[in-house]
Amino acid sequence: MTRFFAIAALFLVLAGCATAPTEPFSPAVPAPEGQANLYIYRHRAPPYIYRAEVYVDDRLVVKLPERGYSVFPVTQGPHTIRIESFDWPDVSFTIKAEDSSDIYIRFTGGAENIGGGTLELAAEAYIVEQAAAVAEISACCRFISPQTEAQ
């Protein structure tokens, strides 16, 4: 009986990974004067069952599940982005919002068997051109609301 529940749970997880987003992607309203919209999405970034914590300038802004995206305004100028994902390598980098143009960041990762039963874990995040990012977000991801100050 335990085997049945384990198999049923596996099918539910796999079915959840194969579903399309519940709402189609729609761009956020333009950022206020002196700011830019920062979109960040997570696609093919294990471990899939954990939410990756995204920090902007050391402030938690969103906890992204696999196949999730969020958007929030950032002031023009440099910003430090850090993504923590359970026991996978953290990713940290700096972006610069130069004008009110939208910025799209893709968070992804993987594991490679390097022999002897050892896995090498990798995580990366990088800026993606708007058209490519919108197409990928539209096909894969659902919107996740950013954290509020009260959370």
C-alpha atoms as a PDB file:
ATOM      1  CA  MET A   1       0.000   0.000   0.000  1.00  0.00           C
ATOM      2  CA  THR A   2       2.881   2.354   0.798  1.00  0.00           C
ATOM      3  CA  ARG A   3       4.299   1.714  -2.675  1.00  0.00           C
ATOM      4  CA  PHE A   4       0.951   2.745  -4.192  1.00  0.00           C
ATOM      5  CA  PHE A   5       0.984   6.090  -2.359  1.00  0.00           C
ATOM      6  CA  ALA A   6       4.604   6.726  -3.327  1.00  0.00           C
ATOM      7  CA  ILE A   7       3.836   6.063  -6.997  1.00  0.00           C
ATOM      8  CA  ALA A   8       0.674   8.188  -6.833  1.00  0.00           C
ATOM      9  CA  ALA A   9       2.627  11.065  -5.261  1.00  0.00           C
ATOM     10  CA  LEU A  10       5.275  10.801  -7.994  1.00  0.00           C
ATOM     11  CA  PHE A  11       2.616  11.031 -10.713  1.00  0.00           C
ATOM     12  CA  LEU A  12       1.078  14.078  -9.049  1.00  0.00           C
ATOM     13  CA  VAL A  13       4.453  15.827  -8.899  1.00  0.00           C
ATOM     14  CA  LEU A  14       5.220  14.997 -12.533  1.00  0.00           C
ATOM     15  CA  ALA A  15       1.763  16.100 -13.653  1.00  0.00           C
ATOM     16  CA  GLY A  16       2.201  19.388 -11.807  1.00  0.00           C
ATOM     17  CA  CYS A  17       5.484  20.017 -13.612  1.00  0.00           C
ATOM     18  CA  ALA A  18       3.843  19.448 -16.991  1.00  0.00           C
ATOM     19  CA  THR A  19       0.989  21.897 -16.571  1.00  0.00           C
ATOM     20  CA  ALA A  20       0.875  25.238 -18.325  1.00  0.00           C
ATOM     21  CA  PRO A  21       0.622  28.489 -16.393  1.00  0.00           C
ATOM     22  CA  THR A  22      -2.870  29.235 -15.095  1.00  0.00           C
ATOM     23  CA  GLU A  23      -2.866  32.800 -16.437  1.00  0.00           C
ATOM     24  CA  PRO A  24      -1.131  34.069 -19.556  1.00  0.00           C
ATOM     25  CA  PHE A  25       1.812  36.411 -19.096  1.00  0.00           C
ATOM     26  CA  SER A  26       0.919  40.065 -19.132  1.00  0.00           C
ATOM     27  CA  PRO A  27       3.501  42.809 -18.695  1.00  0.00           C
ATOM     28  CA  ALA A  28       3.441  44.945 -15.575  1.00  0.00           C
ATOM     29  CA  VAL A  29       2.443  48.574 -15.767  1.00  0.00           C
ATOM     30  CA  PRO A  30       5.384  50.796 -16.688  1.00  0.00           C
ATOM     31  CA  ALA A  31       7.715  51.500 -13.779  1.00  0.00           C
ATOM     32  CA  PRO A  32       7.406  54.893 -12.089  1.00  0.00           C
ATOM     33  CA  GLU A  33       9.720  57.724 -13.143  1.00  0.00           C
ATOM     34  CA  GLY A  34      13.325  56.994 -12.111  1.00  0.00           C
ATOM     35  CA  GLN A  35      12.723  53.234 -11.845  1.00  0.00           C
ATOM     36  CA  ALA A  36      12.735  50.104 -14.008  1.00  0.00           C
ATOM     37  CA  ASN A  37      10.718  46.892 -13.765  1.00  0.00           C
ATOM     38  CA  LEU A  38      12.844  43.897 -12.825  1.00  0.00           C
ATOM     39  CA  TYR A  39      11.387  40.584 -13.976  1.00  0.00           C
ATOM     40  CA  ILE A  40      12.927  37.424 -12.599  1.00  0.00           C
ATOM     41  CA  TYR A  41      11.840  33.931 -13.534  1.00  0.00           C
ATOM     42  CA  ARG A  42      12.885  30.447 -12.552  1.00  0.00           C
ATOM     43  CA  HIS A  43      13.000  27.761 -15.212  1.00  0.00           C
ATOM     44  CA  ARG A  44      14.778  24.410 -14.938  1.00  0.00           C
ATOM     45  CA  ALA A  45      16.399  25.303 -11.625  1.00  0.00           C
ATOM     46  CA  PRO A  46      16.413  22.318  -9.262  1.00  0.00           C
ATOM     47  CA  PRO A  47      15.622  21.430  -6.569  1.00  0.00           C
ATOM     48  CA  TYR A  48      12.099  21.782  -7.897  1.00  0.00           C
ATOM     49  CA  ILE A  49      10.279  21.270  -4.608  1.00  0.00           C
ATOM     50  CA  TYR A  50      11.910  24.258  -2.881  1.00  0.00           C
ATOM     51  CA  ARG A  51      11.344  27.956  -3.402  1.00  0.00           C
ATOM     52  CA  ALA A  52      14.395  30.011  -4.327  1.00  0.00           C
ATOM     53  CA  GLU A  53      14.716  33.169  -2.238  1.00  0.00           C
ATOM     54  CA  VAL A  54      15.508  36.262  -4.307  1.00  0.00           C
ATOM     55  CA  TYR A  55      17.139  39.222  -2.573  1.00  0.00           C
ATOM     56  CA  VAL A  56      17.653  42.669  -4.050  1.00  0.00           C
ATOM     57  CA  ASP A  57      20.108  44.800  -2.098  1.00  0.00           C
ATOM     58  CA  ASP A  58      19.873  42.302   0.808  1.00  0.00           C
ATOM     59  CA  ARG A  59      16.066  42.600   0.992  1.00  0.00           C
ATOM     60  CA  LEU A  60      13.970  39.471   0.343  1.00  0.00           C
ATOM     61  CA  VAL A  61      11.676  40.332  -2.566  1.00  0.00           C
ATOM     62  CA  VAL A  62      10.181  36.979  -3.596  1.00  0.00           C
ATOM     63  CA  LYS A  63      10.292  33.235  -2.986  1.00  0.00           C
ATOM     64  CA  LEU A  64      10.122  31.689  -6.442  1.00  0.00           C
ATOM     65  CA  PRO A  65       8.929  28.158  -7.104  1.00  0.00           C
ATOM     66  CA  GLU A  66      10.081  26.351 -10.232  1.00  0.00           C
ATOM     67  CA  ARG A  67       8.233  27.781 -13.261  1.00  0.00           C
ATOM     68  CA  GLY A  68       7.381  30.997 -11.425  1.00  0.00           C
ATOM     69  CA  TYR A  69       8.098  34.643 -12.202  1.00  0.00           C
ATOM     70  CA  SER A  70       7.789  37.931 -10.392  1.00  0.00           C
ATOM     71  CA  VAL A  71       8.199  41.589 -11.247  1.00  0.00           C
ATOM     72  CA  PHE A  72       8.920  44.621  -9.081  1.00  0.00           C
ATOM     73  CA  PRO A  73      10.298  48.116  -9.623  1.00  0.00           C
ATOM     74  CA  VAL A  74      13.911  48.999  -8.798  1.00  0.00           C
ATOM     75  CA  THR A  75      15.420  52.456  -8.714  1.00  0.00           C
ATOM     76  CA  GLN A  76      17.818  53.432 -11.456  1.00  0.00           C
ATOM     77  CA  GLY A  77      21.407  52.625 -10.567  1.00  0.00           C
ATOM     78  CA  PRO A  78      23.299  49.510  -9.424  1.00  0.00           C
ATOM     79  CA  HIS A  79      21.647  46.692  -7.465  1.00  0.00           C
ATOM     80  CA  THR A  80      22.992  43.496  -5.955  1.00  0.00           C
ATOM     81  CA  ILE A  81      20.909  40.411  -6.709  1.00  0.00           C
ATOM     82  CA  ARG A  82      21.332  37.231  -4.634  1.00  0.00           C
ATOM     83  CA  ILE A  83      19.431  33.988  -5.147  1.00  0.00           C
ATOM     84  CA  GLU A  84      19.517  31.319  -2.453  1.00  0.00           C
ATOM     85  CA  SER A  85      18.171  27.897  -3.346  1.00  0.00           C
ATOM     86  CA  PHE A  86      18.181  25.349  -0.502  1.00  0.00           C
ATOM     87  CA  ASP A  87      21.533  23.549  -0.524  1.00  0.00           C
ATOM     88  CA  TRP A  88      22.426  24.464  -4.105  1.00  0.00           C
ATOM     89  CA  PRO A  89      25.060  27.080  -4.848  1.00  0.00           C
ATOM     90  CA  ASP A  90      23.916  30.646  -4.214  1.00  0.00           C
ATOM     91  CA  VAL A  91      24.052  33.054  -7.132  1.00  0.00           C
ATOM     92  CA  SER A  92      25.066  36.671  -6.594  1.00  0.00           C
ATOM     93  CA  PHE A  93      25.656  39.418  -9.134  1.00  0.00           C
ATOM     94  CA  THR A  94      25.135  43.121  -9.785  1.00  0.00           C
ATOM     95  CA  ILE A  95      22.835  44.741 -12.334  1.00  0.00           C
ATOM     96  CA  LYS A  96      22.484  48.375 -13.297  1.00  0.00           C
ATOM     97  CA  ALA A  97      19.107  49.864 -14.146  1.00  0.00           C
ATOM     98  CA  GLU A  98      20.143  52.642 -16.516  1.00  0.00           C
ATOM     99  CA  ASP A  99      16.707  53.871 -17.569  1.00  0.00           C
ATOM    100  CA  SER A 100      13.076  52.791 -17.368  1.00  0.00           C
ATOM    101  CA  SER A 101      13.617  49.772 -19.649  1.00  0.00           C
ATOM    102  CA  ASP A 102      12.433  46.438 -18.273  1.00  0.00           C
ATOM    103  CA  ILE A 103      15.129  43.991 -17.133  1.00  0.00           C
ATOM    104  CA  TYR A 104      14.574  40.230 -17.428  1.00  0.00           C
ATOM    105  CA  ILE A 105      16.619  37.713 -15.419  1.00  0.00           C
ATOM    106  CA  ARG A 106      16.418  33.940 -15.869  1.00  0.00           C
ATOM    107  CA  PHE A 107      17.405  31.695 -12.943  1.00  0.00           C
ATOM    108  CA  THR A 108      18.343  28.149 -13.915  1.00  0.00           C
ATOM    109  CA  GLY A 109      20.619  25.315 -12.864  1.00  0.00           C
ATOM    110  CA  GLY A 110      21.452  21.674 -13.093  1.00  0.00           C
ATOM    111  CA  ALA A 111      23.511  18.770 -11.876  1.00  0.00           C
ATOM    112  CA  GLU A 112      26.155  16.750 -13.647  1.00  0.00           C
ATOM    113  CA  ASN A 113      27.413  13.323 -12.647  1.00  0.00           C
ATOM    114  CA  ILE A 114      31.197  13.729 -12.499  1.00  0.00           C
ATOM    115  CA  GLY A 115      31.827  10.089 -11.626  1.00  0.00           C
ATOM    116  CA  GLY A 116      31.987   7.976  -8.537  1.00  0.00           C
ATOM    117  CA  GLY A 117      28.413   8.825  -7.612  1.00  0.00           C
ATOM    118  CA  THR A 118      29.346  12.496  -7.196  1.00  0.00           C
ATOM    119  CA  LEU A 119      27.118  15.242  -8.562  1.00  0.00           C
ATOM    120  CA  GLU A 120      28.393  18.698  -9.404  1.00  0.00           C
ATOM    121  CA  LEU A 121      25.647  21.236  -8.730  1.00  0.00           C
ATOM    122  CA  ALA A 122      25.371  24.434 -10.739  1.00  0.00           C
ATOM    123  CA  ALA A 123      23.079  27.441 -10.561  1.00  0.00           C
ATOM    124  CA  GLU A 124      23.166  30.552 -12.698  1.00  0.00           C
ATOM    125  CA  ALA A 125      21.194  33.681 -13.404  1.00  0.00           C
ATOM    126  CA  TYR A 126      21.607  35.985 -16.352  1.00  0.00           C
ATOM    127  CA  ILE A 127      19.911  38.812 -18.199  1.00  0.00           C
ATOM    128  CA  VAL A 128      17.766  37.705 -21.121  1.00  0.00           C
ATOM    129  CA  GLU A 129      16.643  39.831 -24.074  1.00  0.00           C
ATOM    130  CA  GLN A 130      13.007  40.924 -23.636  1.00  0.00           C
ATOM    131  CA  ALA A 131      11.412  39.050 -26.570  1.00  0.00           C
ATOM    132  CA  ALA A 132      13.086  35.745 -25.639  1.00  0.00           C
ATOM    133  CA  ALA A 133      12.229  36.182 -21.945  1.00  0.00           C
ATOM    134  CA  VAL A 134       8.573  37.025 -22.623  1.00  0.00           C
ATOM    135  CA  ALA A 135       8.231  33.985 -24.905  1.00  0.00           C
ATOM    136  CA  GLU A 136       9.760  31.672 -22.296  1.00  0.00           C
ATOM    137  CA  ILE A 137       7.780  33.137 -19.373  1.00  0.00           C
ATOM    138  CA  SER A 138       4.565  32.891 -21.414  1.00  0.00           C
ATOM    139  CA  ALA A 139       5.195  29.214 -22.102  1.00  0.00           C
ATOM    140  CA  CYS A 140       6.358  28.130 -18.671  1.00  0.00           C
ATOM    141  CA  CYS A 141       5.648  30.367 -15.782  1.00  0.00           C
ATOM    142  CA  ARG A 142       2.988  31.645 -13.432  1.00  0.00           C
ATOM    143  CA  PHE A 143       3.052  34.958 -11.600  1.00  0.00           C
ATOM    144  CA  ILE A 144       4.215  35.017  -7.975  1.00  0.00           C
ATOM    145  CA  SER A 145       3.499  38.181  -6.012  1.00  0.00           C
ATOM    146  CA  PRO A 146       6.557  39.903  -4.569  1.00  0.00           C
ATOM    147  CA  GLN A 147       6.960  40.080  -0.789  1.00  0.00           C
ATOM    148  CA  THR A 148       5.503  43.091   0.966  1.00  0.00           C
ATOM    149  CA  GLU A 149       7.233  44.952   3.747  1.00  0.00           C
ATOM    150  CA  ALA A 150       4.928  43.272   6.318  1.00  0.00           C
ATOM    151  CA  GLN A 151       5.971  39.728   5.350  1.00  0.00           C
END
